[in-house]
Amino acid sequence: MVFGFGKSAKHREVGPQELAGMVAANQVLVVDVREVDEFASGHIPGSINMPLSTFQPSKLPAPGARQLVLTCLGGKRSGMALDKCAAAQASVDTHLAGGFGAWAKAGLPVER
């Protein structure tokens, strides 16, 4: 018996500083899965909002040469969105460790 079979694969995580570098280099498209009001109160510059409550992997934008990275406030909802992506066989497997909370705490730029 293989342990962990049927469980979602461990999601890849990037830290706030690593993601900031990737954003600056235009290597990523950040998708924030928080609700609209949360997103409006502050988000990672250039990120797009796709609330988890209506999240559909098929609606994710084509990132072109960039990598899609999901985020939420603390990492729980982006992990749930990644599970939906895995179930839909979408190639998205990365989210921001600690979410937007970690980004803001690191003193990185916030767009409102």
N, C-alpha and C. Protein backbone atom coordinates (compact mmCIF):
# COMPACT_ATOMS: atom_id res chain seq x y z
N MET A 1 0.85 -1.19 0.00
CA MET A 1 0.00 0.00 0.00
C MET A 1 0.89 1.25 0.00
N VAL A 2 0.53 2.19 -0.83
CA VAL A 2 1.29 3.43 -0.90
C VAL A 2 0.59 4.48 -0.05
N PHE A 3 1.31 5.00 0.92
CA PHE A 3 0.70 6.02 1.77
C PHE A 3 0.58 7.33 1.01
N GLY A 4 -0.49 8.08 1.29
CA GLY A 4 -0.69 9.36 0.63
C GLY A 4 -1.35 9.23 -0.73
N PHE A 5 -1.63 7.99 -1.15
CA PHE A 5 -2.27 7.81 -2.46
C PHE A 5 -3.66 8.44 -2.42
N GLY A 6 -3.99 9.20 -3.46
CA GLY A 6 -5.31 9.82 -3.51
C GLY A 6 -5.33 11.18 -2.85
N LYS A 7 -4.30 11.49 -2.09
CA LYS A 7 -4.23 12.82 -1.49
C LYS A 7 -3.65 13.77 -2.52
N SER A 8 -3.98 15.07 -2.38
CA SER A 8 -3.44 16.03 -3.34
C SER A 8 -1.93 16.10 -3.14
N ALA A 9 -1.25 16.28 -4.24
CA ALA A 9 0.20 16.43 -4.17
C ALA A 9 0.52 17.68 -3.37
N LYS A 10 1.66 17.66 -2.72
CA LYS A 10 2.08 18.85 -1.97
C LYS A 10 2.18 20.02 -2.93
N HIS A 11 1.58 21.10 -2.54
CA HIS A 11 1.63 22.28 -3.39
C HIS A 11 2.99 22.94 -3.29
N ARG A 12 3.47 23.44 -4.40
CA ARG A 12 4.70 24.23 -4.40
C ARG A 12 4.40 25.56 -3.76
N GLU A 13 5.35 26.04 -2.97
CA GLU A 13 5.17 27.34 -2.34
C GLU A 13 6.34 28.22 -2.69
N VAL A 14 6.06 29.50 -2.88
CA VAL A 14 7.11 30.49 -3.03
C VAL A 14 6.93 31.47 -1.90
N GLY A 15 8.03 32.00 -1.40
CA GLY A 15 7.96 32.99 -0.33
C GLY A 15 7.71 34.37 -0.90
N PRO A 16 7.35 35.33 -0.04
CA PRO A 16 7.04 36.68 -0.50
C PRO A 16 8.20 37.34 -1.27
N GLN A 17 9.42 37.20 -0.78
CA GLN A 17 10.56 37.85 -1.46
C GLN A 17 10.80 37.22 -2.83
N GLU A 18 10.72 35.88 -2.88
CA GLU A 18 10.91 35.17 -4.16
C GLU A 18 9.83 35.60 -5.16
N LEU A 19 8.58 35.67 -4.68
CA LEU A 19 7.49 36.07 -5.57
C LEU A 19 7.67 37.51 -6.03
N ALA A 20 8.12 38.39 -5.14
CA ALA A 20 8.34 39.80 -5.51
C ALA A 20 9.35 39.90 -6.65
N GLY A 21 10.39 39.09 -6.59
CA GLY A 21 11.39 39.07 -7.66
C GLY A 21 10.81 38.57 -8.97
N MET A 22 9.95 37.55 -8.87
CA MET A 22 9.31 36.97 -10.06
C MET A 22 8.33 37.98 -10.68
N VAL A 23 7.60 38.72 -9.82
CA VAL A 23 6.68 39.75 -10.30
C VAL A 23 7.47 40.85 -11.02
N ALA A 24 8.55 41.29 -10.38
CA ALA A 24 9.38 42.36 -10.96
C ALA A 24 9.95 41.96 -12.32
N ALA A 25 10.26 40.67 -12.48
CA ALA A 25 10.84 40.17 -13.73
C ALA A 25 9.76 39.75 -14.74
N ASN A 26 8.48 39.98 -14.38
CA ASN A 26 7.36 39.62 -15.24
C ASN A 26 7.35 38.12 -15.57
N GLN A 27 7.72 37.29 -14.59
CA GLN A 27 7.75 35.83 -14.78
C GLN A 27 6.47 35.15 -14.31
N VAL A 28 5.63 35.89 -13.59
CA VAL A 28 4.43 35.28 -13.00
C VAL A 28 3.19 36.12 -13.25
N LEU A 29 2.05 35.43 -13.20
CA LEU A 29 0.75 36.09 -13.16
C LEU A 29 0.14 35.63 -11.84
N VAL A 30 -0.08 36.59 -10.94
CA VAL A 30 -0.61 36.27 -9.61
C VAL A 30 -2.14 36.33 -9.64
N VAL A 31 -2.77 35.24 -9.19
CA VAL A 31 -4.22 35.16 -9.11
C VAL A 31 -4.60 35.10 -7.62
N ASP A 32 -5.33 36.12 -7.18
CA ASP A 32 -5.75 36.24 -5.78
C ASP A 32 -7.15 35.65 -5.65
N VAL A 33 -7.31 34.63 -4.80
CA VAL A 33 -8.60 33.95 -4.68
C VAL A 33 -9.43 34.45 -3.50
N ARG A 34 -9.02 35.59 -2.92
CA ARG A 34 -9.84 36.18 -1.85
C ARG A 34 -11.10 36.79 -2.47
N GLU A 35 -12.07 37.10 -1.62
CA GLU A 35 -13.31 37.70 -2.12
C GLU A 35 -13.05 39.13 -2.58
N VAL A 36 -13.97 39.66 -3.38
CA VAL A 36 -13.80 40.95 -4.03
C VAL A 36 -13.49 42.08 -3.05
N ASP A 37 -14.21 42.12 -1.91
CA ASP A 37 -13.98 43.20 -0.94
C ASP A 37 -12.59 43.10 -0.32
N GLU A 38 -12.12 41.88 -0.06
CA GLU A 38 -10.77 41.69 0.49
C GLU A 38 -9.72 42.16 -0.51
N PHE A 39 -9.91 41.78 -1.76
CA PHE A 39 -8.98 42.15 -2.83
C PHE A 39 -8.91 43.66 -2.97
N ALA A 40 -10.09 44.32 -2.90
CA ALA A 40 -10.16 45.77 -3.06
C ALA A 40 -9.42 46.50 -1.93
N SER A 41 -9.36 45.88 -0.76
CA SER A 41 -8.71 46.54 0.39
C SER A 41 -7.19 46.48 0.30
N GLY A 42 -6.65 45.72 -0.65
CA GLY A 42 -5.21 45.66 -0.85
C GLY A 42 -4.80 44.33 -1.45
N HIS A 43 -3.90 44.38 -2.45
CA HIS A 43 -3.47 43.15 -3.11
C HIS A 43 -2.08 43.35 -3.72
N ILE A 44 -1.51 42.26 -4.18
CA ILE A 44 -0.20 42.29 -4.82
C ILE A 44 -0.34 43.04 -6.15
N PRO A 45 0.51 44.04 -6.40
CA PRO A 45 0.40 44.81 -7.64
C PRO A 45 0.39 43.91 -8.88
N GLY A 46 -0.57 44.17 -9.77
CA GLY A 46 -0.67 43.41 -11.01
C GLY A 46 -1.44 42.11 -10.90
N SER A 47 -1.84 41.73 -9.68
CA SER A 47 -2.58 40.47 -9.52
C SER A 47 -4.01 40.64 -10.00
N ILE A 48 -4.63 39.52 -10.34
CA ILE A 48 -6.02 39.54 -10.75
C ILE A 48 -6.85 38.78 -9.72
N ASN A 49 -8.11 39.13 -9.61
CA ASN A 49 -8.99 38.57 -8.58
C ASN A 49 -9.92 37.53 -9.18
N MET A 50 -9.87 36.32 -8.62
CA MET A 50 -10.80 35.24 -8.98
C MET A 50 -11.23 34.58 -7.67
N PRO A 51 -12.28 35.11 -7.02
CA PRO A 51 -12.68 34.61 -5.71
C PRO A 51 -12.91 33.10 -5.66
N LEU A 52 -12.46 32.50 -4.56
CA LEU A 52 -12.61 31.05 -4.40
C LEU A 52 -14.08 30.63 -4.48
N SER A 53 -15.00 31.49 -4.00
CA SER A 53 -16.43 31.14 -3.99
C SER A 53 -16.96 30.85 -5.39
N THR A 54 -16.32 31.42 -6.42
CA THR A 54 -16.76 31.17 -7.79
C THR A 54 -15.61 30.64 -8.66
N PHE A 55 -14.55 30.17 -8.01
CA PHE A 55 -13.32 29.79 -8.71
C PHE A 55 -13.54 28.58 -9.62
N GLN A 56 -13.13 28.72 -10.88
CA GLN A 56 -13.15 27.61 -11.84
C GLN A 56 -11.80 27.59 -12.56
N PRO A 57 -11.06 26.49 -12.43
CA PRO A 57 -9.76 26.41 -13.11
C PRO A 57 -9.85 26.71 -14.60
N SER A 58 -10.96 26.34 -15.23
CA SER A 58 -11.11 26.56 -16.68
C SER A 58 -11.17 28.05 -17.03
N LYS A 59 -11.45 28.89 -16.05
CA LYS A 59 -11.55 30.33 -16.29
C LYS A 59 -10.22 31.06 -16.04
N LEU A 60 -9.20 30.33 -15.61
CA LEU A 60 -7.90 30.96 -15.38
C LEU A 60 -7.37 31.53 -16.69
N PRO A 61 -6.79 32.72 -16.64
CA PRO A 61 -6.25 33.30 -17.87
C PRO A 61 -5.03 32.53 -18.35
N ALA A 62 -4.79 32.55 -19.64
CA ALA A 62 -3.58 31.94 -20.18
C ALA A 62 -2.41 32.86 -19.81
N PRO A 63 -1.44 32.35 -19.06
CA PRO A 63 -0.37 33.21 -18.60
C PRO A 63 0.73 33.44 -19.63
N GLY A 64 0.61 32.82 -20.79
CA GLY A 64 1.66 32.95 -21.80
C GLY A 64 2.92 32.27 -21.28
N ALA A 65 4.04 32.97 -21.33
CA ALA A 65 5.31 32.40 -20.88
C ALA A 65 5.45 32.48 -19.36
N ARG A 66 4.51 33.16 -18.71
CA ARG A 66 4.61 33.33 -17.25
C ARG A 66 4.01 32.14 -16.51
N GLN A 67 4.33 32.04 -15.25
CA GLN A 67 3.81 30.99 -14.38
C GLN A 67 2.65 31.57 -13.58
N LEU A 68 1.58 30.81 -13.42
CA LEU A 68 0.49 31.23 -12.57
C LEU A 68 0.83 30.89 -11.12
N VAL A 69 0.63 31.85 -10.23
CA VAL A 69 0.81 31.63 -8.80
C VAL A 69 -0.44 32.14 -8.10
N LEU A 70 -1.04 31.29 -7.27
CA LEU A 70 -2.25 31.67 -6.55
C LEU A 70 -1.90 32.22 -5.18
N THR A 71 -2.76 33.10 -4.68
CA THR A 71 -2.58 33.63 -3.34
C THR A 71 -3.94 33.90 -2.71
N CYS A 72 -3.96 33.97 -1.37
CA CYS A 72 -5.15 34.36 -0.63
C CYS A 72 -4.64 35.15 0.57
N LEU A 73 -5.33 35.13 1.69
CA LEU A 73 -4.85 35.90 2.83
C LEU A 73 -3.74 35.16 3.58
N GLY A 74 -3.93 33.84 3.81
CA GLY A 74 -2.95 33.11 4.61
C GLY A 74 -2.43 31.82 4.00
N GLY A 75 -3.00 31.40 2.88
CA GLY A 75 -2.54 30.18 2.22
C GLY A 75 -3.57 29.06 2.18
N LYS A 76 -4.61 29.13 3.01
CA LYS A 76 -5.60 28.05 3.06
C LYS A 76 -6.47 28.02 1.80
N ARG A 77 -7.04 29.18 1.44
CA ARG A 77 -7.94 29.20 0.27
C ARG A 77 -7.18 28.98 -1.03
N SER A 78 -5.96 29.50 -1.13
CA SER A 78 -5.20 29.25 -2.37
C SER A 78 -4.87 27.77 -2.47
N GLY A 79 -4.65 27.11 -1.35
CA GLY A 79 -4.43 25.65 -1.36
C GLY A 79 -5.68 24.92 -1.83
N MET A 80 -6.86 25.39 -1.39
CA MET A 80 -8.12 24.78 -1.83
C MET A 80 -8.30 24.99 -3.34
N ALA A 81 -7.94 26.19 -3.82
CA ALA A 81 -8.04 26.46 -5.26
C ALA A 81 -7.07 25.57 -6.03
N LEU A 82 -5.88 25.33 -5.46
CA LEU A 82 -4.91 24.44 -6.12
C LEU A 82 -5.46 23.02 -6.19
N ASP A 83 -6.19 22.60 -5.15
CA ASP A 83 -6.81 21.27 -5.19
C ASP A 83 -7.82 21.19 -6.33
N LYS A 84 -8.58 22.28 -6.54
CA LYS A 84 -9.54 22.32 -7.66
C LYS A 84 -8.79 22.25 -8.99
N CYS A 85 -7.65 22.95 -9.07
CA CYS A 85 -6.85 22.92 -10.30
C CYS A 85 -6.34 21.50 -10.57
N ALA A 86 -5.87 20.83 -9.52
CA ALA A 86 -5.36 19.47 -9.67
C ALA A 86 -6.48 18.54 -10.14
N ALA A 87 -7.67 18.69 -9.58
CA ALA A 87 -8.81 17.86 -9.96
C ALA A 87 -9.19 18.11 -11.42
N ALA A 88 -8.99 19.34 -11.88
CA ALA A 88 -9.33 19.69 -13.27
C ALA A 88 -8.15 19.48 -14.20
N GLN A 89 -7.06 18.95 -13.65
CA GLN A 89 -5.84 18.73 -14.40
C GLN A 89 -5.26 20.01 -15.00
N ALA A 90 -5.48 21.11 -14.31
CA ALA A 90 -4.85 22.38 -14.71
C ALA A 90 -3.41 22.31 -14.23
N SER A 91 -2.52 22.97 -14.96
CA SER A 91 -1.09 22.84 -14.64
C SER A 91 -0.62 23.84 -13.58
N VAL A 92 -1.55 24.35 -12.78
CA VAL A 92 -1.20 25.30 -11.73
C VAL A 92 -0.91 24.53 -10.45
N ASP A 93 0.27 24.74 -9.87
CA ASP A 93 0.62 23.97 -8.67
C ASP A 93 1.33 24.81 -7.61
N THR A 94 1.34 26.14 -7.76
CA THR A 94 2.14 26.98 -6.88
C THR A 94 1.29 28.06 -6.23
N HIS A 95 1.58 28.30 -4.93
CA HIS A 95 0.93 29.43 -4.27
C HIS A 95 1.92 30.12 -3.34
N LEU A 96 1.51 31.30 -2.89
CA LEU A 96 2.35 32.12 -2.02
C LEU A 96 2.27 31.61 -0.60
N ALA A 97 3.41 31.20 -0.04
CA ALA A 97 3.46 30.74 1.35
C ALA A 97 3.05 31.88 2.27
N GLY A 98 2.06 31.66 3.12
CA GLY A 98 1.61 32.69 4.05
C GLY A 98 0.69 33.71 3.42
N GLY A 99 0.46 33.60 2.10
CA GLY A 99 -0.49 34.45 1.42
C GLY A 99 -0.17 35.94 1.46
N PHE A 100 -1.23 36.73 1.20
CA PHE A 100 -1.07 38.18 1.16
C PHE A 100 -0.62 38.73 2.51
N GLY A 101 -1.02 38.06 3.58
CA GLY A 101 -0.60 38.50 4.92
C GLY A 101 0.92 38.51 5.03
N ALA A 102 1.56 37.47 4.51
CA ALA A 102 3.03 37.38 4.56
C ALA A 102 3.66 38.43 3.64
N TRP A 103 3.02 38.67 2.49
CA TRP A 103 3.50 39.68 1.54
C TRP A 103 3.51 41.06 2.22
N ALA A 104 2.37 41.43 2.82
CA ALA A 104 2.24 42.73 3.46
C ALA A 104 3.20 42.85 4.65
N LYS A 105 3.31 41.77 5.43
CA LYS A 105 4.20 41.77 6.59
C LYS A 105 5.67 41.96 6.18
N ALA A 106 6.00 41.49 4.98
CA ALA A 106 7.37 41.62 4.47
C ALA A 106 7.63 43.04 3.96
N GLY A 107 6.61 43.90 4.01
CA GLY A 107 6.77 45.28 3.60
C GLY A 107 6.82 45.47 2.09
N LEU A 108 6.29 44.49 1.35
CA LEU A 108 6.28 44.57 -0.12
C LEU A 108 5.14 45.46 -0.58
N PRO A 109 5.21 45.96 -1.83
CA PRO A 109 4.20 46.92 -2.29
C PRO A 109 2.79 46.34 -2.34
N VAL A 110 1.83 47.19 -1.97
CA VAL A 110 0.42 46.80 -1.97
C VAL A 110 -0.35 47.77 -2.87
N GLU A 111 -1.17 47.21 -3.74
CA GLU A 111 -1.97 48.02 -4.65
C GLU A 111 -3.41 48.05 -4.11
N ARG A 112 -4.04 49.23 -4.19
CA ARG A 112 -5.43 49.34 -3.73
C ARG A 112 -6.30 49.90 -4.83
